[in-house]
Amino acid sequence: MTHLGDGSVVAVFPAAGSGQRFGAAKNKLFSSLAGEPLWLHSLRRIGSRREVGRVIVAVAARDLSDFRDQLAASNISLAVEFVIGGTERMDSVQIALDSVSEDSGVQWVSVHDAARPLVSDEDLDRIFSAVQETGAALLATPVSGTLKREMGEGNQIETVDRRRIWVALTPQVFRLGLLKLAYSKHNGCPATDDAQLVERLGHEVQLVHGSADNLKITFPEDLSIAEAILSRNQ
């Protein structure tokens, strides 16, 4: 398995969302997981990789001091750059990309949901190796449940063939210049992830099989699942 160069990746964490579905008064990323704020787990897992040379976290202005205080109180010794993110996730990624100077040592960008605290080293090994083939890759897991599509009015439904259907995960990793180009062509057209912007360029995005353990914390009950996974792995 080939590896990206040491320090050649800038890791971007969009963390400016409100997390309304979580239902808490404060940012869900501040919720405790195994005695530590949720977002710090995500930061440590990716930021401590030897391939990562810069770490940028895009946050809401109202949360900036809390993010800084929590990082200072942790045992993480990374040099983290905080930027003020935008209204939407894609706005935050754009702002983070704009903050990346023309640093010849940084050739790749990894975008990871700060609310995904359980991405494994094995998955990171695979995606950092795979991205060298196409310049664009994302972790994903096969859909396991039965899918139904609502058909117009009423309760009429149809079953969707789930073969070759995958759930996109993060991180999604790209050549830095490629993702910057994709964002420059964005023009406000909605997209649900960064890979979709790259797809619109007609560029191949390689799918890398990732673990379903890499769940996104969306609802309070997801924290209990994450706690159980952490306990099992330890």
C-alpha atoms as a PDB file:
ATOM      1  CA  MET A   1       0.000   0.000   0.000  1.00  0.00           C
ATOM      2  CA  THR A   2       1.445   3.346  -1.041  1.00  0.00           C
ATOM      3  CA  HIS A   3       1.243   6.372   1.227  1.00  0.00           C
ATOM      4  CA  LEU A   4       0.802  10.094   0.755  1.00  0.00           C
ATOM      5  CA  GLY A   5       3.789  12.195   1.684  1.00  0.00           C
ATOM      6  CA  ASP A   6       4.277  13.308   5.264  1.00  0.00           C
ATOM      7  CA  GLY A   7       2.488  16.592   5.918  1.00  0.00           C
ATOM      8  CA  SER A   8       1.029  16.708   2.386  1.00  0.00           C
ATOM      9  CA  VAL A   9      -2.639  16.798   3.510  1.00  0.00           C
ATOM     10  CA  VAL A  10      -4.667  19.698   4.880  1.00  0.00           C
ATOM     11  CA  ALA A  11      -7.487  18.312   7.030  1.00  0.00           C
ATOM     12  CA  VAL A  12     -10.665  20.398   6.931  1.00  0.00           C
ATOM     13  CA  PHE A  13     -13.422  19.978   9.521  1.00  0.00           C
ATOM     14  CA  PRO A  14     -16.714  21.807   8.807  1.00  0.00           C
ATOM     15  CA  ALA A  15     -18.056  22.480  12.321  1.00  0.00           C
ATOM     16  CA  ALA A  16     -20.189  25.606  12.007  1.00  0.00           C
ATOM     17  CA  GLY A  17     -23.588  23.906  11.836  1.00  0.00           C
ATOM     18  CA  SER A  18     -26.345  24.386  14.382  1.00  0.00           C
ATOM     19  CA  GLY A  19     -27.101  20.675  14.805  1.00  0.00           C
ATOM     20  CA  GLN A  20     -30.821  21.389  15.114  1.00  0.00           C
ATOM     21  CA  ARG A  21     -31.817  17.723  14.764  1.00  0.00           C
ATOM     22  CA  PHE A  22     -29.740  16.921  17.848  1.00  0.00           C
ATOM     23  CA  GLY A  23     -32.124  19.039  19.901  1.00  0.00           C
ATOM     24  CA  ALA A  24     -29.585  20.523  22.317  1.00  0.00           C
ATOM     25  CA  ALA A  25     -29.234  24.187  23.216  1.00  0.00           C
ATOM     26  CA  LYS A  26     -25.476  24.088  22.590  1.00  0.00           C
ATOM     27  CA  ASN A  27     -23.492  22.822  19.625  1.00  0.00           C
ATOM     28  CA  LYS A  28     -23.802  19.024  19.487  1.00  0.00           C
ATOM     29  CA  LEU A  29     -20.048  18.809  18.882  1.00  0.00           C
ATOM     30  CA  PHE A  30     -19.534  19.836  22.501  1.00  0.00           C
ATOM     31  CA  SER A  31     -21.432  16.762  23.724  1.00  0.00           C
ATOM     32  CA  SER A  32     -19.346  14.386  25.807  1.00  0.00           C
ATOM     33  CA  LEU A  33     -18.171  11.097  24.300  1.00  0.00           C
ATOM     34  CA  ALA A  34     -16.086   8.956  26.648  1.00  0.00           C
ATOM     35  CA  GLY A  35     -15.421  12.041  28.783  1.00  0.00           C
ATOM     36  CA  GLU A  36     -14.253  14.298  25.954  1.00  0.00           C
ATOM     37  CA  PRO A  37     -16.041  16.670  23.549  1.00  0.00           C
ATOM     38  CA  LEU A  38     -17.207  14.787  20.483  1.00  0.00           C
ATOM     39  CA  TRP A  39     -15.314  16.879  17.935  1.00  0.00           C
ATOM     40  CA  LEU A  40     -11.962  16.271  19.614  1.00  0.00           C
ATOM     41  CA  HIS A  41     -12.227  12.545  18.845  1.00  0.00           C
ATOM     42  CA  SER A  42     -12.598  13.355  15.136  1.00  0.00           C
ATOM     43  CA  LEU A  43      -9.755  15.874  15.280  1.00  0.00           C
ATOM     44  CA  ARG A  44      -7.361  13.454  16.960  1.00  0.00           C
ATOM     45  CA  ARG A  45      -8.074  10.525  14.628  1.00  0.00           C
ATOM     46  CA  ILE A  46      -7.281  12.451  11.464  1.00  0.00           C
ATOM     47  CA  GLY A  47      -5.118  15.312  12.677  1.00  0.00           C
ATOM     48  CA  SER A  48      -2.568  12.997  14.269  1.00  0.00           C
ATOM     49  CA  ARG A  49      -1.905  11.143  11.009  1.00  0.00           C
ATOM     50  CA  ARG A  50       1.601  11.652   9.666  1.00  0.00           C
ATOM     51  CA  GLU A  51       0.137  12.592   6.252  1.00  0.00           C
ATOM     52  CA  VAL A  52      -1.614  15.616   7.762  1.00  0.00           C
ATOM     53  CA  GLY A  53       0.396  18.839   7.867  1.00  0.00           C
ATOM     54  CA  ARG A  54      -2.365  21.395   8.507  1.00  0.00           C
ATOM     55  CA  VAL A  55      -5.677  21.233  10.354  1.00  0.00           C
ATOM     56  CA  ILE A  56      -8.449  23.767   9.706  1.00  0.00           C
ATOM     57  CA  VAL A  57     -11.701  23.802  11.684  1.00  0.00           C
ATOM     58  CA  ALA A  58     -14.515  26.025  10.376  1.00  0.00           C
ATOM     59  CA  VAL A  59     -16.727  27.131  13.278  1.00  0.00           C
ATOM     60  CA  ALA A  60     -19.556  29.542  13.991  1.00  0.00           C
ATOM     61  CA  ALA A  61     -18.435  32.849  15.511  1.00  0.00           C
ATOM     62  CA  ARG A  62     -20.584  32.226  18.598  1.00  0.00           C
ATOM     63  CA  ASP A  63     -18.723  28.962  19.304  1.00  0.00           C
ATOM     64  CA  LEU A  64     -15.148  30.018  18.595  1.00  0.00           C
ATOM     65  CA  SER A  65     -14.103  30.636  22.199  1.00  0.00           C
ATOM     66  CA  ASP A  66     -15.575  27.299  23.316  1.00  0.00           C
ATOM     67  CA  PHE A  67     -13.706  25.419  20.599  1.00  0.00           C
ATOM     68  CA  ARG A  68     -10.457  27.109  21.580  1.00  0.00           C
ATOM     69  CA  ASP A  69     -10.984  26.458  25.282  1.00  0.00           C
ATOM     70  CA  GLN A  70     -11.799  22.786  24.742  1.00  0.00           C
ATOM     71  CA  LEU A  71      -8.755  22.272  22.542  1.00  0.00           C
ATOM     72  CA  ALA A  72      -6.518  23.989  25.109  1.00  0.00           C
ATOM     73  CA  ALA A  73      -7.893  21.755  27.874  1.00  0.00           C
ATOM     74  CA  SER A  74      -7.256  18.569  25.860  1.00  0.00           C
ATOM     75  CA  ASN A  75      -4.103  16.514  25.468  1.00  0.00           C
ATOM     76  CA  ILE A  76      -4.018  17.237  21.726  1.00  0.00           C
ATOM     77  CA  SER A  77      -0.899  19.117  20.689  1.00  0.00           C
ATOM     78  CA  LEU A  78      -1.922  19.890  17.099  1.00  0.00           C
ATOM     79  CA  ALA A  79      -1.553  23.375  15.630  1.00  0.00           C
ATOM     80  CA  VAL A  80      -5.205  23.953  14.742  1.00  0.00           C
ATOM     81  CA  GLU A  81      -6.312  26.852  12.554  1.00  0.00           C
ATOM     82  CA  PHE A  82      -9.846  28.099  13.265  1.00  0.00           C
ATOM     83  CA  VAL A  83     -11.801  29.999  10.628  1.00  0.00           C
ATOM     84  CA  ILE A  84     -15.314  31.428  10.828  1.00  0.00           C
ATOM     85  CA  GLY A  85     -17.522  29.198   8.716  1.00  0.00           C
ATOM     86  CA  GLY A  86     -20.585  30.000   6.651  1.00  0.00           C
ATOM     87  CA  THR A  87     -24.309  29.381   6.830  1.00  0.00           C
ATOM     88  CA  GLU A  88     -24.136  26.081   4.956  1.00  0.00           C
ATOM     89  CA  ARG A  89     -21.601  23.271   5.178  1.00  0.00           C
ATOM     90  CA  MET A  90     -20.315  23.974   1.682  1.00  0.00           C
ATOM     91  CA  ASP A  91     -19.780  27.621   2.590  1.00  0.00           C
ATOM     92  CA  SER A  92     -17.579  26.497   5.471  1.00  0.00           C
ATOM     93  CA  VAL A  93     -15.497  24.208   3.261  1.00  0.00           C
ATOM     94  CA  GLN A  94     -15.096  27.025   0.727  1.00  0.00           C
ATOM     95  CA  ILE A  95     -13.881  29.401   3.431  1.00  0.00           C
ATOM     96  CA  ALA A  96     -11.422  26.797   4.702  1.00  0.00           C
ATOM     97  CA  LEU A  97     -10.106  26.195   1.173  1.00  0.00           C
ATOM     98  CA  ASP A  98      -9.698  29.937   0.647  1.00  0.00           C
ATOM     99  CA  SER A  99      -7.537  30.060   3.771  1.00  0.00           C
ATOM    100  CA  VAL A 100      -5.083  27.513   2.386  1.00  0.00           C
ATOM    101  CA  SER A 101      -2.137  29.462   1.037  1.00  0.00           C
ATOM    102  CA  GLU A 102      -0.096  28.361  -1.930  1.00  0.00           C
ATOM    103  CA  ASP A 103       1.953  25.977   0.171  1.00  0.00           C
ATOM    104  CA  SER A 104       3.895  23.638  -2.093  1.00  0.00           C
ATOM    105  CA  GLY A 105       4.050  21.071   0.683  1.00  0.00           C
ATOM    106  CA  VAL A 106       0.254  20.710   0.815  1.00  0.00           C
ATOM    107  CA  GLN A 107      -1.063  18.757  -2.168  1.00  0.00           C
ATOM    108  CA  TRP A 108      -4.190  17.068  -0.819  1.00  0.00           C
ATOM    109  CA  VAL A 109      -7.292  18.029   1.156  1.00  0.00           C
ATOM    110  CA  SER A 110      -9.292  15.746   3.434  1.00  0.00           C
ATOM    111  CA  VAL A 111     -12.795  16.931   4.365  1.00  0.00           C
ATOM    112  CA  HIS A 112     -14.247  15.158   7.386  1.00  0.00           C
ATOM    113  CA  ASP A 113     -17.450  15.678   9.338  1.00  0.00           C
ATOM    114  CA  ALA A 114     -16.483  16.788  12.837  1.00  0.00           C
ATOM    115  CA  ALA A 115     -19.451  14.725  14.067  1.00  0.00           C
ATOM    116  CA  ARG A 116     -17.875  11.441  12.855  1.00  0.00           C
ATOM    117  CA  PRO A 117     -15.627  10.497  15.785  1.00  0.00           C
ATOM    118  CA  LEU A 118     -15.012   6.835  14.956  1.00  0.00           C
ATOM    119  CA  VAL A 119     -13.223   6.721  11.606  1.00  0.00           C
ATOM    120  CA  SER A 120     -10.565   4.021  11.838  1.00  0.00           C
ATOM    121  CA  ASP A 121      -6.884   4.085  10.955  1.00  0.00           C
ATOM    122  CA  GLU A 122      -7.512   1.165   8.603  1.00  0.00           C
ATOM    123  CA  ASP A 123     -10.076   3.169   6.627  1.00  0.00           C
ATOM    124  CA  LEU A 124      -7.756   6.167   6.550  1.00  0.00           C
ATOM    125  CA  ASP A 125      -4.927   3.951   5.267  1.00  0.00           C
ATOM    126  CA  ARG A 126      -7.172   2.755   2.442  1.00  0.00           C
ATOM    127  CA  ILE A 127      -8.474   6.132   1.337  1.00  0.00           C
ATOM    128  CA  PHE A 128      -5.102   7.879   1.536  1.00  0.00           C
ATOM    129  CA  SER A 129      -3.696   5.114  -0.666  1.00  0.00           C
ATOM    130  CA  ALA A 130      -6.610   5.010  -3.130  1.00  0.00           C
ATOM    131  CA  VAL A 131      -6.784   8.755  -3.754  1.00  0.00           C
ATOM    132  CA  GLN A 132      -3.416   8.660  -5.469  1.00  0.00           C
ATOM    133  CA  GLU A 133      -4.970   6.724  -8.355  1.00  0.00           C
ATOM    134  CA  THR A 134      -7.693   9.202  -9.338  1.00  0.00           C
ATOM    135  CA  GLY A 135      -7.063  12.338  -7.288  1.00  0.00           C
ATOM    136  CA  ALA A 136     -10.504  11.984  -5.680  1.00  0.00           C
ATOM    137  CA  ALA A 137     -11.867   9.348  -3.303  1.00  0.00           C
ATOM    138  CA  LEU A 138     -14.479   8.921  -0.596  1.00  0.00           C
ATOM    139  CA  LEU A 139     -15.260   6.368   2.057  1.00  0.00           C
ATOM    140  CA  ALA A 140     -18.647   4.682   1.678  1.00  0.00           C
ATOM    141  CA  THR A 141     -20.527   1.679   2.996  1.00  0.00           C
ATOM    142  CA  PRO A 142     -23.066  -0.501   1.150  1.00  0.00           C
ATOM    143  CA  VAL A 143     -26.749   0.066   1.877  1.00  0.00           C
ATOM    144  CA  SER A 144     -27.897  -2.895   3.969  1.00  0.00           C
ATOM    145  CA  GLY A 145     -31.587  -2.187   4.537  1.00  0.00           C
ATOM    146  CA  THR A 146     -34.513  -2.431   2.133  1.00  0.00           C
ATOM    147  CA  LEU A 147     -35.140   0.859   0.355  1.00  0.00           C
ATOM    148  CA  LYS A 148     -38.606   2.210  -0.477  1.00  0.00           C
ATOM    149  CA  ARG A 149     -39.508   5.146  -2.713  1.00  0.00           C
ATOM    150  CA  GLU A 150     -42.715   7.096  -2.231  1.00  0.00           C
ATOM    151  CA  MET A 151     -44.684   7.342  -5.462  1.00  0.00           C
ATOM    152  CA  GLY A 152     -46.595  10.600  -5.779  1.00  0.00           C
ATOM    153  CA  GLU A 153     -49.682  11.151  -3.663  1.00  0.00           C
ATOM    154  CA  GLY A 154     -50.990   8.803  -1.003  1.00  0.00           C
ATOM    155  CA  ASN A 155     -49.164   5.795   0.390  1.00  0.00           C
ATOM    156  CA  GLN A 156     -48.115   4.109  -2.826  1.00  0.00           C
ATOM    157  CA  ILE A 157     -44.507   2.951  -2.725  1.00  0.00           C
ATOM    158  CA  GLU A 158     -42.024   0.935  -4.723  1.00  0.00           C
ATOM    159  CA  THR A 159     -38.976  -1.042  -3.633  1.00  0.00           C
ATOM    160  CA  VAL A 160     -35.631   0.291  -4.843  1.00  0.00           C
ATOM    161  CA  ASP A 161     -32.908  -2.097  -5.981  1.00  0.00           C
ATOM    162  CA  ARG A 162     -30.148  -1.544  -3.431  1.00  0.00           C
ATOM    163  CA  ARG A 163     -27.444  -3.295  -5.439  1.00  0.00           C
ATOM    164  CA  ARG A 164     -24.572  -0.911  -6.140  1.00  0.00           C
ATOM    165  CA  ILE A 165     -26.110   1.682  -3.790  1.00  0.00           C
ATOM    166  CA  TRP A 166     -23.748   3.073  -1.169  1.00  0.00           C
ATOM    167  CA  VAL A 167     -23.982   5.510   1.741  1.00  0.00           C
ATOM    168  CA  ALA A 168     -21.320   8.200   1.465  1.00  0.00           C
ATOM    169  CA  LEU A 169     -19.101   8.689   4.527  1.00  0.00           C
ATOM    170  CA  THR A 170     -16.185  10.967   5.275  1.00  0.00           C
ATOM    171  CA  PRO A 171     -13.396  11.754   4.959  1.00  0.00           C
ATOM    172  CA  GLN A 172     -13.522  12.590   1.299  1.00  0.00           C
ATOM    173  CA  VAL A 173     -10.039  13.247  -0.041  1.00  0.00           C
ATOM    174  CA  PHE A 174      -9.002  15.177  -3.156  1.00  0.00           C
ATOM    175  CA  ARG A 175      -6.085  16.813  -4.849  1.00  0.00           C
ATOM    176  CA  LEU A 176      -6.179  20.309  -3.424  1.00  0.00           C
ATOM    177  CA  GLY A 177      -6.250  21.990  -6.820  1.00  0.00           C
ATOM    178  CA  LEU A 178      -9.045  19.714  -8.027  1.00  0.00           C
ATOM    179  CA  LEU A 179     -11.340  20.514  -5.113  1.00  0.00           C
ATOM    180  CA  LYS A 180     -10.589  24.226  -5.413  1.00  0.00           C
ATOM    181  CA  LEU A 181     -11.533  24.027  -9.104  1.00  0.00           C
ATOM    182  CA  ALA A 182     -14.753  22.175  -8.270  1.00  0.00           C
ATOM    183  CA  TYR A 183     -15.720  24.885  -5.783  1.00  0.00           C
ATOM    184  CA  SER A 184     -14.903  27.632  -8.279  1.00  0.00           C
ATOM    185  CA  LYS A 185     -17.460  26.033 -10.640  1.00  0.00           C
ATOM    186  CA  HIS A 186     -20.034  25.560  -7.875  1.00  0.00           C
ATOM    187  CA  ASN A 187     -22.070  28.716  -8.617  1.00  0.00           C
ATOM    188  CA  GLY A 188     -24.521  28.045  -5.808  1.00  0.00           C
ATOM    189  CA  CYS A 189     -25.958  24.862  -7.340  1.00  0.00           C
ATOM    190  CA  PRO A 190     -26.979  22.595  -4.430  1.00  0.00           C
ATOM    191  CA  ALA A 191     -24.783  19.614  -3.621  1.00  0.00           C
ATOM    192  CA  THR A 192     -24.902  17.254  -0.670  1.00  0.00           C
ATOM    193  CA  ASP A 193     -21.179  16.570  -0.443  1.00  0.00           C
ATOM    194  CA  ASP A 194     -17.833  17.606  -1.888  1.00  0.00           C
ATOM    195  CA  ALA A 195     -17.593  14.549  -4.125  1.00  0.00           C
ATOM    196  CA  GLN A 196     -20.707  15.689  -5.995  1.00  0.00           C
ATOM    197  CA  LEU A 197     -18.974  18.924  -6.987  1.00  0.00           C
ATOM    198  CA  VAL A 198     -16.004  16.965  -8.331  1.00  0.00           C
ATOM    199  CA  GLU A 199     -18.354  14.585 -10.175  1.00  0.00           C
ATOM    200  CA  ARG A 200     -19.855  17.593 -11.970  1.00  0.00           C
ATOM    201  CA  LEU A 201     -16.449  18.303 -13.471  1.00  0.00           C
ATOM    202  CA  GLY A 202     -16.628  14.881 -15.102  1.00  0.00           C
ATOM    203  CA  HIS A 203     -13.786  13.704 -12.892  1.00  0.00           C
ATOM    204  CA  GLU A 204     -13.748  10.155 -11.537  1.00  0.00           C
ATOM    205  CA  VAL A 205     -14.243   9.795  -7.794  1.00  0.00           C
ATOM    206  CA  GLN A 206     -13.049   6.482  -6.405  1.00  0.00           C
ATOM    207  CA  LEU A 207     -15.296   4.734  -3.893  1.00  0.00           C
ATOM    208  CA  VAL A 208     -13.417   3.167  -0.971  1.00  0.00           C
ATOM    209  CA  HIS A 209     -15.193   0.598   1.189  1.00  0.00           C
ATOM    210  CA  GLY A 210     -15.381   1.955   4.733  1.00  0.00           C
ATOM    211  CA  SER A 211     -16.668   0.648   8.020  1.00  0.00           C
ATOM    212  CA  ALA A 212     -20.272   1.257   9.059  1.00  0.00           C
ATOM    213  CA  ASP A 213     -18.854   2.072  12.520  1.00  0.00           C
ATOM    214  CA  ASN A 214     -17.923   5.465  11.068  1.00  0.00           C
ATOM    215  CA  LEU A 215     -21.314   6.852  12.018  1.00  0.00           C
ATOM    216  CA  LYS A 216     -22.310  10.498  12.105  1.00  0.00           C
ATOM    217  CA  ILE A 217     -23.690  11.760  15.417  1.00  0.00           C
ATOM    218  CA  THR A 218     -27.041  13.255  14.431  1.00  0.00           C
ATOM    219  CA  PHE A 219     -29.381  12.404  17.313  1.00  0.00           C
ATOM    220  CA  PRO A 220     -28.682  12.052  21.074  1.00  0.00           C
ATOM    221  CA  GLU A 221     -29.129   8.279  20.918  1.00  0.00           C
ATOM    222  CA  ASP A 222     -26.219   8.094  18.440  1.00  0.00           C
ATOM    223  CA  LEU A 223     -23.881   8.983  21.313  1.00  0.00           C
ATOM    224  CA  SER A 224     -24.859   5.781  23.120  1.00  0.00           C
ATOM    225  CA  ILE A 225     -24.083   3.763  19.998  1.00  0.00           C
ATOM    226  CA  ALA A 226     -20.726   5.514  19.642  1.00  0.00           C
ATOM    227  CA  GLU A 227     -19.917   4.834  23.313  1.00  0.00           C
ATOM    228  CA  ALA A 228     -20.654   1.133  22.775  1.00  0.00           C
ATOM    229  CA  ILE A 229     -18.428   0.984  19.686  1.00  0.00           C
ATOM    230  CA  LEU A 230     -15.586   2.714  21.529  1.00  0.00           C
ATOM    231  CA  SER A 231     -15.895   0.289  24.445  1.00  0.00           C
ATOM    232  CA  ARG A 232     -15.893  -2.705  22.098  1.00  0.00           C
ATOM    233  CA  ASN A 233     -12.826  -1.506  20.188  1.00  0.00           C
ATOM    234  CA  GLN A 234     -10.891  -0.768  23.361  1.00  0.00           C
END
